[in-house]
Amino acid sequence: MGNSSVYIPLKKKRDFENLRNSGVVIHVTHWLMVVCLPNSVSENRVGWTLPKFVGNAVVRNRLRRWGRERVKVWDFAEFPKSLDLNFVFKKRAAGFYKTLDREEFGIAFSRAFEKVKNRYERFD
């Protein structure tokens, strides 16, 4: 398959709906989950779900930017198949995401990579 270390953004509403309806939910931390599903386009696609309760636009954009930075360093070639991934930020107490530090965020995304990789190695 065409797995590489690059990904393309997941943008279409039907792709997000397909993930929500048919995807596998992996709870990474108490504040982050990943919904993933093998795709047929032989490209890894990544989407973000950051509802308004996460914080204002500045906070949401910071989390999205940190997420893109972390996902760019992932080696998607380690995945046995091409995947659609949607990172969903869960509802937490007011101000939680505003005080979330970059180190904890990075640890969570490293854990997400391992969990997704292990999930699809087992079932391949």
PDB file of N, CA and C in Angstrom:
ATOM      1  N   MET A   1       0.828  -1.185   0.000  1.00  0.00           N
ATOM      2  CA  MET A   1       0.000   0.000   0.000  1.00  0.00           C
ATOM      3  C   MET A   1       0.869   1.244   0.000  1.00  0.00           C
ATOM      4  N   GLY A   2       0.241   2.375  -0.167  1.00  0.00           N
ATOM      5  CA  GLY A   2       0.976   3.614  -0.286  1.00  0.00           C
ATOM      6  C   GLY A   2       1.225   4.313   1.032  1.00  0.00           C
ATOM      7  N   ASN A   3       1.592   3.580   2.069  1.00  0.00           N
ATOM      8  CA  ASN A   3       1.865   4.216   3.351  1.00  0.00           C
ATOM      9  C   ASN A   3       3.174   4.973   3.305  1.00  0.00           C
ATOM     10  N   SER A   4       3.158   6.186   3.753  1.00  0.00           N
ATOM     11  CA  SER A   4       4.367   6.991   3.838  1.00  0.00           C
ATOM     12  C   SER A   4       4.283   7.800   5.117  1.00  0.00           C
ATOM     13  N   SER A   5       5.234   8.669   5.316  1.00  0.00           N
ATOM     14  CA  SER A   5       5.224   9.457   6.539  1.00  0.00           C
ATOM     15  C   SER A   5       4.414  10.739   6.374  1.00  0.00           C
ATOM     16  N   VAL A   6       3.762  10.916   5.247  1.00  0.00           N
ATOM     17  CA  VAL A   6       2.922  12.089   5.041  1.00  0.00           C
ATOM     18  C   VAL A   6       1.452  11.691   5.121  1.00  0.00           C
ATOM     19  N   TYR A   7       0.630  12.667   5.352  1.00  0.00           N
ATOM     20  CA  TYR A   7      -0.805  12.433   5.398  1.00  0.00           C
ATOM     21  C   TYR A   7      -1.495  13.576   4.680  1.00  0.00           C
ATOM     22  N   ILE A   8      -2.754  13.339   4.338  1.00  0.00           N
ATOM     23  CA  ILE A   8      -3.552  14.410   3.761  1.00  0.00           C
ATOM     24  C   ILE A   8      -4.691  14.709   4.730  1.00  0.00           C
ATOM     25  N   PRO A   9      -5.188  15.935   4.745  1.00  0.00           N
ATOM     26  CA  PRO A   9      -6.256  16.266   5.683  1.00  0.00           C
ATOM     27  C   PRO A   9      -7.580  15.616   5.294  1.00  0.00           C
ATOM     28  N   LEU A  10      -8.329  15.274   6.298  1.00  0.00           N
ATOM     29  CA  LEU A  10      -9.665  14.724   6.127  1.00  0.00           C
ATOM     30  C   LEU A  10     -10.617  15.911   6.210  1.00  0.00           C
ATOM     31  N   LYS A  11     -11.363  16.197   5.134  1.00  0.00           N
ATOM     32  CA  LYS A  11     -12.152  17.424   5.096  1.00  0.00           C
ATOM     33  C   LYS A  11     -13.639  17.215   4.836  1.00  0.00           C
ATOM     34  N   LYS A  12     -14.002  16.171   4.120  1.00  0.00           N
ATOM     35  CA  LYS A  12     -15.390  16.024   3.691  1.00  0.00           C
ATOM     36  C   LYS A  12     -16.288  15.512   4.817  1.00  0.00           C
ATOM     37  N   LYS A  13     -17.484  16.085   4.874  1.00  0.00           N
ATOM     38  CA  LYS A  13     -18.444  15.718   5.902  1.00  0.00           C
ATOM     39  C   LYS A  13     -18.759  14.233   5.856  1.00  0.00           C
ATOM     40  N   ARG A  14     -18.901  13.671   4.663  1.00  0.00           N
ATOM     41  CA  ARG A  14     -19.242  12.246   4.557  1.00  0.00           C
ATOM     42  C   ARG A  14     -18.127  11.358   5.098  1.00  0.00           C
ATOM     43  N   ASP A  15     -16.867  11.802   4.988  1.00  0.00           N
ATOM     44  CA  ASP A  15     -15.755  11.030   5.547  1.00  0.00           C
ATOM     45  C   ASP A  15     -15.809  11.027   7.072  1.00  0.00           C
ATOM     46  N   PHE A  16     -16.114  12.180   7.667  1.00  0.00           N
ATOM     47  CA  PHE A  16     -16.251  12.251   9.121  1.00  0.00           C
ATOM     48  C   PHE A  16     -17.444  11.412   9.588  1.00  0.00           C
ATOM     49  N   GLU A  17     -18.549  11.459   8.848  1.00  0.00           N
ATOM     50  CA  GLU A  17     -19.721  10.664   9.214  1.00  0.00           C
ATOM     51  C   GLU A  17     -19.435   9.174   9.094  1.00  0.00           C
ATOM     52  N   ASN A  18     -18.717   8.773   8.049  1.00  0.00           N
ATOM     53  CA  ASN A  18     -18.343   7.374   7.880  1.00  0.00           C
ATOM     54  C   ASN A  18     -17.466   6.906   9.042  1.00  0.00           C
ATOM     55  N   LEU A  19     -16.536   7.740   9.450  1.00  0.00           N
ATOM     56  CA  LEU A  19     -15.695   7.412  10.603  1.00  0.00           C
ATOM     57  C   LEU A  19     -16.533   7.280  11.865  1.00  0.00           C
ATOM     58  N   ARG A  20     -17.435   8.224  12.078  1.00  0.00           N
ATOM     59  CA  ARG A  20     -18.255   8.195  13.283  1.00  0.00           C
ATOM     60  C   ARG A  20     -19.143   6.957  13.326  1.00  0.00           C
ATOM     61  N   ASN A  21     -19.690   6.557  12.173  1.00  0.00           N
ATOM     62  CA  ASN A  21     -20.614   5.429  12.141  1.00  0.00           C
ATOM     63  C   ASN A  21     -19.928   4.072  12.103  1.00  0.00           C
ATOM     64  N   SER A  22     -18.783   3.962  11.438  1.00  0.00           N
ATOM     65  CA  SER A  22     -18.154   2.659  11.230  1.00  0.00           C
ATOM     66  C   SER A  22     -16.772   2.530  11.844  1.00  0.00           C
ATOM     67  N   GLY A  23     -16.229   3.601  12.372  1.00  0.00           N
ATOM     68  CA  GLY A  23     -14.852   3.579  12.848  1.00  0.00           C
ATOM     69  C   GLY A  23     -14.682   2.910  14.199  1.00  0.00           C
ATOM     70  N   VAL A  24     -13.448   2.587  14.497  1.00  0.00           N
ATOM     71  CA  VAL A  24     -13.062   2.001  15.774  1.00  0.00           C
ATOM     72  C   VAL A  24     -12.617   3.141  16.681  1.00  0.00           C
ATOM     73  N   VAL A  25     -13.178   3.200  17.885  1.00  0.00           N
ATOM     74  CA  VAL A  25     -12.848   4.261  18.833  1.00  0.00           C
ATOM     75  C   VAL A  25     -11.747   3.763  19.765  1.00  0.00           C
ATOM     76  N   ILE A  26     -10.679   4.527  19.849  1.00  0.00           N
ATOM     77  CA  ILE A  26      -9.572   4.208  20.746  1.00  0.00           C
ATOM     78  C   ILE A  26      -9.428   5.368  21.724  1.00  0.00           C
ATOM     79  N   HIS A  27      -9.664   5.085  23.008  1.00  0.00           N
ATOM     80  CA  HIS A  27      -9.536   6.118  24.036  1.00  0.00           C
ATOM     81  C   HIS A  27      -8.072   6.196  24.453  1.00  0.00           C
ATOM     82  N   VAL A  28      -7.471   7.325  24.205  1.00  0.00           N
ATOM     83  CA  VAL A  28      -6.042   7.505  24.467  1.00  0.00           C
ATOM     84  C   VAL A  28      -5.824   8.041  25.877  1.00  0.00           C
ATOM     85  N   THR A  29      -6.516   9.094  26.223  1.00  0.00           N
ATOM     86  CA  THR A  29      -6.447   9.682  27.561  1.00  0.00           C
ATOM     87  C   THR A  29      -7.869  10.054  27.962  1.00  0.00           C
ATOM     88  N   HIS A  30      -7.993  10.660  29.141  1.00  0.00           N
ATOM     89  CA  HIS A  30      -9.320  11.090  29.571  1.00  0.00           C
ATOM     90  C   HIS A  30      -9.819  12.282  28.762  1.00  0.00           C
ATOM     91  N   TRP A  31      -8.960  12.873  27.945  1.00  0.00           N
ATOM     92  CA  TRP A  31      -9.370  14.042  27.165  1.00  0.00           C
ATOM     93  C   TRP A  31      -9.233  13.868  25.660  1.00  0.00           C
ATOM     94  N   LEU A  32      -8.717  12.723  25.198  1.00  0.00           N
ATOM     95  CA  LEU A  32      -8.505  12.534  23.767  1.00  0.00           C
ATOM     96  C   LEU A  32      -8.882  11.124  23.348  1.00  0.00           C
ATOM     97  N   MET A  33      -9.586  11.030  22.224  1.00  0.00           N
ATOM     98  CA  MET A  33      -9.836   9.725  21.619  1.00  0.00           C
ATOM     99  C   MET A  33      -9.579   9.825  20.122  1.00  0.00           C
ATOM    100  N   VAL A  34      -9.282   8.673  19.532  1.00  0.00           N
ATOM    101  CA  VAL A  34      -9.013   8.599  18.103  1.00  0.00           C
ATOM    102  C   VAL A  34     -10.034   7.651  17.499  1.00  0.00           C
ATOM    103  N   VAL A  35     -10.677   8.088  16.442  1.00  0.00           N
ATOM    104  CA  VAL A  35     -11.582   7.225  15.692  1.00  0.00           C
ATOM    105  C   VAL A  35     -10.851   6.884  14.402  1.00  0.00           C
ATOM    106  N   CYS A  36     -10.695   5.592  14.124  1.00  0.00           N
ATOM    107  CA  CYS A  36      -9.918   5.204  12.947  1.00  0.00           C
ATOM    108  C   CYS A  36     -10.631   4.125  12.151  1.00  0.00           C
ATOM    109  N   LEU A  37     -10.308   4.098  10.872  1.00  0.00           N
ATOM    110  CA  LEU A  37     -10.933   3.170   9.942  1.00  0.00           C
ATOM    111  C   LEU A  37     -10.014   3.012   8.736  1.00  0.00           C
ATOM    112  N   PRO A  38      -9.761   1.775   8.302  1.00  0.00           N
ATOM    113  CA  PRO A  38      -8.980   1.601   7.070  1.00  0.00           C
ATOM    114  C   PRO A  38      -9.705   2.252   5.896  1.00  0.00           C
ATOM    115  N   ASN A  39      -8.942   2.825   4.980  1.00  0.00           N
ATOM    116  CA  ASN A  39      -9.563   3.467   3.824  1.00  0.00           C
ATOM    117  C   ASN A  39      -9.101   2.806   2.538  1.00  0.00           C
ATOM    118  N   SER A  40      -9.698   3.200   1.452  1.00  0.00           N
ATOM    119  CA  SER A  40      -9.387   2.596   0.156  1.00  0.00           C
ATOM    120  C   SER A  40      -8.610   3.537  -0.765  1.00  0.00           C
ATOM    121  N   VAL A  41      -8.205   4.685  -0.266  1.00  0.00           N
ATOM    122  CA  VAL A  41      -7.515   5.649  -1.124  1.00  0.00           C
ATOM    123  C   VAL A  41      -5.998   5.511  -1.059  1.00  0.00           C
ATOM    124  N   SER A  42      -5.504   4.567  -0.288  1.00  0.00           N
ATOM    125  CA  SER A  42      -4.070   4.290  -0.107  1.00  0.00           C
ATOM    126  C   SER A  42      -3.281   5.516   0.345  1.00  0.00           C
ATOM    127  N   GLU A  43      -3.931   6.395   1.049  1.00  0.00           N
ATOM    128  CA  GLU A  43      -3.299   7.557   1.675  1.00  0.00           C
ATOM    129  C   GLU A  43      -3.807   7.625   3.106  1.00  0.00           C
ATOM    130  N   ASN A  44      -2.965   8.058   4.005  1.00  0.00           N
ATOM    131  CA  ASN A  44      -3.401   8.283   5.376  1.00  0.00           C
ATOM    132  C   ASN A  44      -4.040   9.659   5.435  1.00  0.00           C
ATOM    133  N   ARG A  45      -5.234   9.714   6.039  1.00  0.00           N
ATOM    134  CA  ARG A  45      -5.949  10.982   6.139  1.00  0.00           C
ATOM    135  C   ARG A  45      -6.228  11.258   7.609  1.00  0.00           C
ATOM    136  N   VAL A  46      -6.058  12.516   8.004  1.00  0.00           N
ATOM    137  CA  VAL A  46      -6.201  12.898   9.406  1.00  0.00           C
ATOM    138  C   VAL A  46      -7.171  14.065   9.515  1.00  0.00           C
ATOM    139  N   GLY A  47      -8.092  13.962  10.481  1.00  0.00           N
ATOM    140  CA  GLY A  47      -9.047  15.028  10.748  1.00  0.00           C
ATOM    141  C   GLY A  47      -9.046  15.380  12.228  1.00  0.00           C
ATOM    142  N   TRP A  48      -9.640  16.508  12.539  1.00  0.00           N
ATOM    143  CA  TRP A  48      -9.661  17.023  13.910  1.00  0.00           C
ATOM    144  C   TRP A  48     -11.078  17.412  14.280  1.00  0.00           C
ATOM    145  N   THR A  49     -11.515  17.023  15.479  1.00  0.00           N
ATOM    146  CA  THR A  49     -12.800  17.462  16.001  1.00  0.00           C
ATOM    147  C   THR A  49     -12.537  18.187  17.314  1.00  0.00           C
ATOM    148  N   LEU A  50     -12.658  19.499  17.256  1.00  0.00           N
ATOM    149  CA  LEU A  50     -12.451  20.353  18.426  1.00  0.00           C
ATOM    150  C   LEU A  50     -13.680  21.243  18.587  1.00  0.00           C
ATOM    151  N   PRO A  51     -14.702  20.776  19.300  1.00  0.00           N
ATOM    152  CA  PRO A  51     -15.914  21.579  19.480  1.00  0.00           C
ATOM    153  C   PRO A  51     -15.637  22.852  20.286  1.00  0.00           C
ATOM    154  N   LYS A  52     -16.593  23.747  20.289  1.00  0.00           N
ATOM    155  CA  LYS A  52     -16.416  25.035  20.963  1.00  0.00           C
ATOM    156  C   LYS A  52     -16.193  24.900  22.462  1.00  0.00           C
ATOM    157  N   PHE A  53     -16.671  23.797  23.079  1.00  0.00           N
ATOM    158  CA  PHE A  53     -16.458  23.665  24.519  1.00  0.00           C
ATOM    159  C   PHE A  53     -14.983  23.455  24.867  1.00  0.00           C
ATOM    160  N   VAL A  54     -14.163  23.137  23.879  1.00  0.00           N
ATOM    161  CA  VAL A  54     -12.726  22.974  24.114  1.00  0.00           C
ATOM    162  C   VAL A  54     -12.113  24.311  24.516  1.00  0.00           C
ATOM    163  N   GLY A  55     -12.598  25.374  23.945  1.00  0.00           N
ATOM    164  CA  GLY A  55     -12.078  26.697  24.273  1.00  0.00           C
ATOM    165  C   GLY A  55     -12.346  27.650  23.129  1.00  0.00           C
ATOM    166  N   ASN A  56     -11.785  28.832  23.249  1.00  0.00           N
ATOM    167  CA  ASN A  56     -11.986  29.807  22.179  1.00  0.00           C
ATOM    168  C   ASN A  56     -11.143  29.422  20.963  1.00  0.00           C
ATOM    169  N   ALA A  57     -11.231  30.203  19.910  1.00  0.00           N
ATOM    170  CA  ALA A  57     -10.551  29.874  18.652  1.00  0.00           C
ATOM    171  C   ALA A  57      -9.038  29.786  18.830  1.00  0.00           C
ATOM    172  N   VAL A  58      -8.485  30.614  19.688  1.00  0.00           N
ATOM    173  CA  VAL A  58      -7.039  30.594  19.915  1.00  0.00           C
ATOM    174  C   VAL A  58      -6.610  29.241  20.485  1.00  0.00           C
ATOM    175  N   VAL A  59      -7.343  28.750  21.469  1.00  0.00           N
ATOM    176  CA  VAL A  59      -7.023  27.460  22.099  1.00  0.00           C
ATOM    177  C   VAL A  59      -7.218  26.323  21.107  1.00  0.00           C
ATOM    178  N   ARG A  60      -8.330  26.337  20.392  1.00  0.00           N
ATOM    179  CA  ARG A  60      -8.595  25.258  19.424  1.00  0.00           C
ATOM    180  C   ARG A  60      -7.535  25.234  18.328  1.00  0.00           C
ATOM    181  N   ASN A  61      -7.158  26.393  17.818  1.00  0.00           N
ATOM    182  CA  ASN A  61      -6.130  26.447  16.774  1.00  0.00           C
ATOM    183  C   ASN A  61      -4.769  26.012  17.301  1.00  0.00           C
ATOM    184  N   ARG A  62      -4.453  26.323  18.554  1.00  0.00           N
ATOM    185  CA  ARG A  62      -3.185  25.886  19.143  1.00  0.00           C
ATOM    186  C   ARG A  62      -3.146  24.363  19.235  1.00  0.00           C
ATOM    187  N   LEU A  63      -4.238  23.758  19.709  1.00  0.00           N
ATOM    188  CA  LEU A  63      -4.290  22.299  19.817  1.00  0.00           C
ATOM    189  C   LEU A  63      -4.195  21.644  18.441  1.00  0.00           C
ATOM    190  N   ARG A  64      -4.869  22.215  17.478  1.00  0.00           N
ATOM    191  CA  ARG A  64      -4.805  21.684  16.109  1.00  0.00           C
ATOM    192  C   ARG A  64      -3.380  21.789  15.555  1.00  0.00           C
ATOM    193  N   ARG A  65      -2.736  22.912  15.788  1.00  0.00           N
ATOM    194  CA  ARG A  65      -1.356  23.108  15.321  1.00  0.00           C
ATOM    195  C   ARG A  65      -0.407  22.117  15.997  1.00  0.00           C
ATOM    196  N   TRP A  66      -0.525  21.962  17.325  1.00  0.00           N
ATOM    197  CA  TRP A  66       0.307  20.987  18.035  1.00  0.00           C
ATOM    198  C   TRP A  66       0.064  19.586  17.498  1.00  0.00           C
ATOM    199  N   GLY A  67      -1.197  19.273  17.227  1.00  0.00           N
ATOM    200  CA  GLY A  67      -1.527  17.951  16.695  1.00  0.00           C
ATOM    201  C   GLY A  67      -0.905  17.717  15.332  1.00  0.00           C
ATOM    202  N   ARG A  68      -0.987  18.697  14.456  1.00  0.00           N
ATOM    203  CA  ARG A  68      -0.365  18.561  13.129  1.00  0.00           C
ATOM    204  C   ARG A  68       1.142  18.364  13.251  1.00  0.00           C
ATOM    205  N   GLU A  69       1.766  19.110  14.170  1.00  0.00           N
ATOM    206  CA  GLU A  69       3.210  18.958  14.375  1.00  0.00           C
ATOM    207  C   GLU A  69       3.553  17.550  14.836  1.00  0.00           C
ATOM    208  N   ARG A  70       2.753  16.997  15.737  1.00  0.00           N
ATOM    209  CA  ARG A  70       3.020  15.647  16.260  1.00  0.00           C
ATOM    210  C   ARG A  70       2.764  14.583  15.196  1.00  0.00           C
ATOM    211  N   VAL A  71       1.711  14.744  14.422  1.00  0.00           N
ATOM    212  CA  VAL A  71       1.371  13.741  13.410  1.00  0.00           C
ATOM    213  C   VAL A  71       2.394  13.758  12.276  1.00  0.00           C
ATOM    214  N   LYS A  72       2.973  14.906  11.975  1.00  0.00           N
ATOM    215  CA  LYS A  72       3.970  14.983  10.899  1.00  0.00           C
ATOM    216  C   LYS A  72       5.189  14.117  11.178  1.00  0.00           C
ATOM    217  N   VAL A  73       5.528  13.909  12.439  1.00  0.00           N
ATOM    218  CA  VAL A  73       6.714  13.108  12.759  1.00  0.00           C
ATOM    219  C   VAL A  73       6.400  11.615  12.857  1.00  0.00           C
ATOM    220  N   TRP A  74       5.122  11.252  12.785  1.00  0.00           N
ATOM    221  CA  TRP A  74       4.753   9.833  12.808  1.00  0.00           C
ATOM    222  C   TRP A  74       5.274   9.155  11.557  1.00  0.00           C
ATOM    223  N   ASP A  75       5.681   7.909  11.691  1.00  0.00           N
ATOM    224  CA  ASP A  75       6.094   7.110  10.543  1.00  0.00           C
ATOM    225  C   ASP A  75       4.913   6.230  10.147  1.00  0.00           C
ATOM    226  N   PHE A  76       4.088   6.733   9.248  1.00  0.00           N
ATOM    227  CA  PHE A  76       2.896   5.995   8.837  1.00  0.00           C
ATOM    228  C   PHE A  76       3.247   4.687   8.136  1.00  0.00           C
ATOM    229  N   ALA A  77       4.489   4.535   7.702  1.00  0.00           N
ATOM    230  CA  ALA A  77       4.903   3.285   7.060  1.00  0.00           C
ATOM    231  C   ALA A  77       4.825   2.118   8.038  1.00  0.00           C
ATOM    232  N   GLU A  78       4.815   2.403   9.344  1.00  0.00           N
ATOM    233  CA  GLU A  78       4.684   1.346  10.345  1.00  0.00           C
ATOM    234  C   GLU A  78       3.261   0.806  10.424  1.00  0.00           C
ATOM    235  N   PHE A  79       2.299   1.535   9.886  1.00  0.00           N
ATOM    236  CA  PHE A  79       0.919   1.054   9.892  1.00  0.00           C
ATOM    237  C   PHE A  79       0.758  -0.002   8.814  1.00  0.00           C
ATOM    238  N   PRO A  80       0.078  -1.108   9.110  1.00  0.00           N
ATOM    239  CA  PRO A  80      -0.091  -2.158   8.103  1.00  0.00           C
ATOM    240  C   PRO A  80      -1.047  -1.780   6.978  1.00  0.00           C
ATOM    241  N   LYS A  81      -1.854  -0.744   7.146  1.00  0.00           N
ATOM    242  CA  LYS A  81      -2.783  -0.318   6.092  1.00  0.00           C
ATOM    243  C   LYS A  81      -2.995   1.181   6.174  1.00  0.00           C
ATOM    244  N   SER A  82      -3.534   1.744   5.113  1.00  0.00           N
ATOM    245  CA  SER A  82      -3.841   3.176   5.089  1.00  0.00           C
ATOM    246  C   SER A  82      -5.084   3.427   5.927  1.00  0.00           C
ATOM    247  N   LEU A  83      -5.056   4.498   6.701  1.00  0.00           N
ATOM    248  CA  LEU A  83      -6.124   4.754   7.655  1.00  0.00           C
ATOM    249  C   LEU A  83      -6.676   6.164   7.524  1.00  0.00           C
ATOM    250  N   ASP A  84      -7.945   6.295   7.904  1.00  0.00           N
ATOM    251  CA  ASP A  84      -8.539   7.591   8.190  1.00  0.00           C
ATOM    252  C   ASP A  84      -8.517   7.725   9.708  1.00  0.00           C
ATOM    253  N   LEU A  85      -8.016   8.830  10.206  1.00  0.00           N
ATOM    254  CA  LEU A  85      -7.943   9.073  11.649  1.00  0.00           C
ATOM    255  C   LEU A  85      -8.640  10.380  11.967  1.00  0.00           C
ATOM    256  N   ASN A  86      -9.433  10.376  13.027  1.00  0.00           N
ATOM    257  CA  ASN A  86     -10.054  11.603  13.504  1.00  0.00           C
ATOM    258  C   ASN A  86      -9.744  11.732  14.987  1.00  0.00           C
ATOM    259  N   PHE A  87      -9.064  12.795  15.354  1.00  0.00           N
ATOM    260  CA  PHE A  87      -8.741  13.048  16.749  1.00  0.00           C
ATOM    261  C   PHE A  87      -9.873  13.868  17.347  1.00  0.00           C
ATOM    262  N   VAL A  88     -10.509  13.318  18.380  1.00  0.00           N
ATOM    263  CA  VAL A  88     -11.670  13.952  19.002  1.00  0.00           C
ATOM    264  C   VAL A  88     -11.285  14.370  20.418  1.00  0.00           C
ATOM    265  N   PHE A  89     -11.450  15.643  20.709  1.00  0.00           N
ATOM    266  CA  PHE A  89     -11.150  16.160  22.032  1.00  0.00           C
ATOM    267  C   PHE A  89     -12.430  16.121  22.862  1.00  0.00           C
ATOM    268  N   LYS A  90     -12.362  15.447  24.007  1.00  0.00           N
ATOM    269  CA  LYS A  90     -13.536  15.238  24.856  1.00  0.00           C
ATOM    270  C   LYS A  90     -13.797  16.456  25.746  1.00  0.00           C
ATOM    271  N   LYS A  91     -15.009  16.498  26.272  1.00  0.00           N
ATOM    272  CA  LYS A  91     -15.399  17.606  27.139  1.00  0.00           C
ATOM    273  C   LYS A  91     -14.716  17.462  28.497  1.00  0.00           C
ATOM    274  N   ARG A  92     -14.097  18.522  28.927  1.00  0.00           N
ATOM    275  CA  ARG A  92     -13.405  18.582  30.211  1.00  0.00           C
ATOM    276  C   ARG A  92     -13.841  19.843  30.939  1.00  0.00           C
ATOM    277  N   ALA A  93     -13.361  19.994  32.150  1.00  0.00           N
ATOM    278  CA  ALA A  93     -13.690  21.177  32.943  1.00  0.00           C
ATOM    279  C   ALA A  93     -13.240  22.448  32.217  1.00  0.00           C
ATOM    280  N   ALA A  94     -13.937  23.515  32.517  1.00  0.00           N
ATOM    281  CA  ALA A  94     -13.614  24.797  31.878  1.00  0.00           C
ATOM    282  C   ALA A  94     -12.155  25.157  32.139  1.00  0.00           C
ATOM    283  N   GLY A  95     -11.460  25.549  31.104  1.00  0.00           N
ATOM    284  CA  GLY A  95     -10.071  25.961  31.231  1.00  0.00           C
ATOM    285  C   GLY A  95      -9.058  24.829  31.158  1.00  0.00           C
ATOM    286  N   PHE A  96      -9.503  23.579  31.070  1.00  0.00           N
ATOM    287  CA  PHE A  96      -8.566  22.444  31.033  1.00  0.00           C
ATOM    288  C   PHE A  96      -7.623  22.547  29.842  1.00  0.00           C
ATOM    289  N   TYR A  97      -8.180  22.742  28.658  1.00  0.00           N
ATOM    290  CA  TYR A  97      -7.354  22.770  27.451  1.00  0.00           C
ATOM    291  C   TYR A  97      -6.470  24.017  27.390  1.00  0.00           C
ATOM    292  N   LYS A  98      -6.934  25.086  28.020  1.00  0.00           N
ATOM    293  CA  LYS A  98      -6.134  26.313  28.034  1.00  0.00           C
ATOM    294  C   LYS A  98      -4.852  26.111  28.839  1.00  0.00           C
ATOM    295  N   THR A  99      -4.916  25.263  29.869  1.00  0.00           N
ATOM    296  CA  THR A  99      -3.750  25.026  30.721  1.00  0.00           C
ATOM    297  C   THR A  99      -2.978  23.765  30.339  1.00  0.00           C
ATOM    298  N   LEU A 100      -3.445  23.042  29.338  1.00  0.00           N
ATOM    299  CA  LEU A 100      -2.757  21.827  28.891  1.00  0.00           C
ATOM    300  C   LEU A 100      -1.386  22.203  28.340  1.00  0.00           C
ATOM    301  N   ASP A 101      -0.343  21.532  28.827  1.00  0.00           N
ATOM    302  CA  ASP A 101       0.991  21.884  28.342  1.00  0.00           C
ATOM    303  C   ASP A 101       1.403  20.993  27.172  1.00  0.00           C
ATOM    304  N   ARG A 102       2.373  21.489  26.441  1.00  0.00           N
ATOM    305  CA  ARG A 102       2.810  20.833  25.206  1.00  0.00           C
ATOM    306  C   ARG A 102       3.402  19.445  25.462  1.00  0.00           C
ATOM    307  N   GLU A 103       4.063  19.269  26.594  1.00  0.00           N
ATOM    308  CA  GLU A 103       4.679  17.982  26.921  1.00  0.00           C
ATOM    309  C   GLU A 103       3.613  16.902  27.113  1.00  0.00           C
ATOM    310  N   GLU A 104       2.585  17.209  27.895  1.00  0.00           N
ATOM    311  CA  GLU A 104       1.500  16.244  28.106  1.00  0.00           C
ATOM    312  C   GLU A 104       0.795  15.936  26.784  1.00  0.00           C
ATOM    313  N   PHE A 105       0.627  16.954  25.972  1.00  0.00           N
ATOM    314  CA  PHE A 105       0.009  16.776  24.659  1.00  0.00           C
ATOM    315  C   PHE A 105       0.841  15.821  23.807  1.00  0.00           C
ATOM    316  N   GLY A 106       2.153  16.023  23.791  1.00  0.00           N
ATOM    317  CA  GLY A 106       3.045  15.163  23.016  1.00  0.00           C
ATOM    318  C   GLY A 106       3.018  13.723  23.491  1.00  0.00           C
ATOM    319  N   ILE A 107       2.979  13.524  24.800  1.00  0.00           N
ATOM    320  CA  ILE A 107       2.911  12.168  25.355  1.00  0.00           C
ATOM    321  C   ILE A 107       1.624  11.488  24.916  1.00  0.00           C
ATOM    322  N   ALA A 108       0.514  12.214  24.952  1.00  0.00           N
ATOM    323  CA  ALA A 108      -0.770  11.644  24.539  1.00  0.00           C
ATOM    324  C   ALA A 108      -0.748  11.243  23.068  1.00  0.00           C
ATOM    325  N   PHE A 109      -0.149  12.062  22.213  1.00  0.00           N
ATOM    326  CA  PHE A 109      -0.112  11.728  20.791  1.00  0.00           C
ATOM    327  C   PHE A 109       0.841  10.579  20.500  1.00  0.00           C
ATOM    328  N   SER A 110       1.911  10.451  21.272  1.00  0.00           N
ATOM    329  CA  SER A 110       2.787   9.283  21.122  1.00  0.00           C
ATOM    330  C   SER A 110       2.037   8.018  21.515  1.00  0.00           C
ATOM    331  N   ARG A 111       1.267   8.102  22.589  1.00  0.00           N
ATOM    332  CA  ARG A 111       0.458   6.965  23.025  1.00  0.00           C
ATOM    333  C   ARG A 111      -0.605   6.633  21.971  1.00  0.00           C
ATOM    334  N   ALA A 112      -1.186   7.658  21.360  1.00  0.00           N
ATOM    335  CA  ALA A 112      -2.189   7.432  20.310  1.00  0.00           C
ATOM    336  C   ALA A 112      -1.573   6.678  19.141  1.00  0.00           C
ATOM    337  N   PHE A 113      -0.363   7.076  18.732  1.00  0.00           N
ATOM    338  CA  PHE A 113       0.316   6.403  17.621  1.00  0.00           C
ATOM    339  C   PHE A 113       0.503   4.922  17.935  1.00  0.00           C
ATOM    340  N   GLU A 114       0.991   4.623  19.131  1.00  0.00           N
ATOM    341  CA  GLU A 114       1.230   3.225  19.514  1.00  0.00           C
ATOM    342  C   GLU A 114      -0.065   2.431  19.569  1.00  0.00           C
ATOM    343  N   LYS A 115      -1.114   3.023  20.133  1.00  0.00           N
ATOM    344  CA  LYS A 115      -2.385   2.303  20.243  1.00  0.00           C
ATOM    345  C   LYS A 115      -2.988   2.010  18.874  1.00  0.00           C
ATOM    346  N   VAL A 116      -2.944   2.974  17.975  1.00  0.00           N
ATOM    347  CA  VAL A 116      -3.492   2.763  16.629  1.00  0.00           C
ATOM    348  C   VAL A 116      -2.670   1.711  15.899  1.00  0.00           C
ATOM    349  N   LYS A 117      -1.354   1.822  15.985  1.00  0.00           N
ATOM    350  CA  LYS A 117      -0.473   0.863  15.312  1.00  0.00           C
ATOM    351  C   LYS A 117      -0.720  -0.552  15.838  1.00  0.00           C
ATOM    352  N   ASN A 118      -0.790  -0.705  17.166  1.00  0.00           N
ATOM    353  CA  ASN A 118      -1.019  -2.024  17.760  1.00  0.00           C
ATOM    354  C   ASN A 118      -2.382  -2.581  17.396  1.00  0.00           C
ATOM    355  N   ARG A 119      -3.370  -1.730  17.336  1.00  0.00           N
ATOM    356  CA  ARG A 119      -4.728  -2.173  16.996  1.00  0.00           C
ATOM    357  C   ARG A 119      -4.760  -2.822  15.611  1.00  0.00           C
ATOM    358  N   TYR A 120      -4.105  -2.216  14.655  1.00  0.00           N
ATOM    359  CA  TYR A 120      -4.175  -2.731  13.289  1.00  0.00           C
ATOM    360  C   TYR A 120      -3.126  -3.791  12.999  1.00  0.00           C
ATOM    361  N   GLU A 121      -2.101  -3.917  13.831  1.00  0.00           N
ATOM    362  CA  GLU A 121      -1.175  -5.043  13.687  1.00  0.00           C
ATOM    363  C   GLU A 121      -1.850  -6.329  14.129  1.00  0.00           C
ATOM    364  N   ARG A 122      -2.657  -6.258  15.183  1.00  0.00           N
ATOM    365  CA  ARG A 122      -3.329  -7.447  15.714  1.00  0.00           C
ATOM    366  C   ARG A 122      -4.327  -8.029  14.740  1.00  0.00           C
ATOM    367  N   PHE A 123      -5.028  -7.175  14.016  1.00  0.00           N
ATOM    368  CA  PHE A 123      -6.132  -7.641  13.187  1.00  0.00           C
ATOM    369  C   PHE A 123      -5.781  -7.755  11.718  1.00  0.00           C
ATOM    370  N   ASP A 124      -4.531  -7.600  11.373  1.00  0.00           N
ATOM    371  CA  ASP A 124      -4.155  -7.678   9.967  1.00  0.00           C
ATOM    372  C   ASP A 124      -3.845  -9.101   9.551  1.00  0.00           C
TER     373      ASP A 124
END
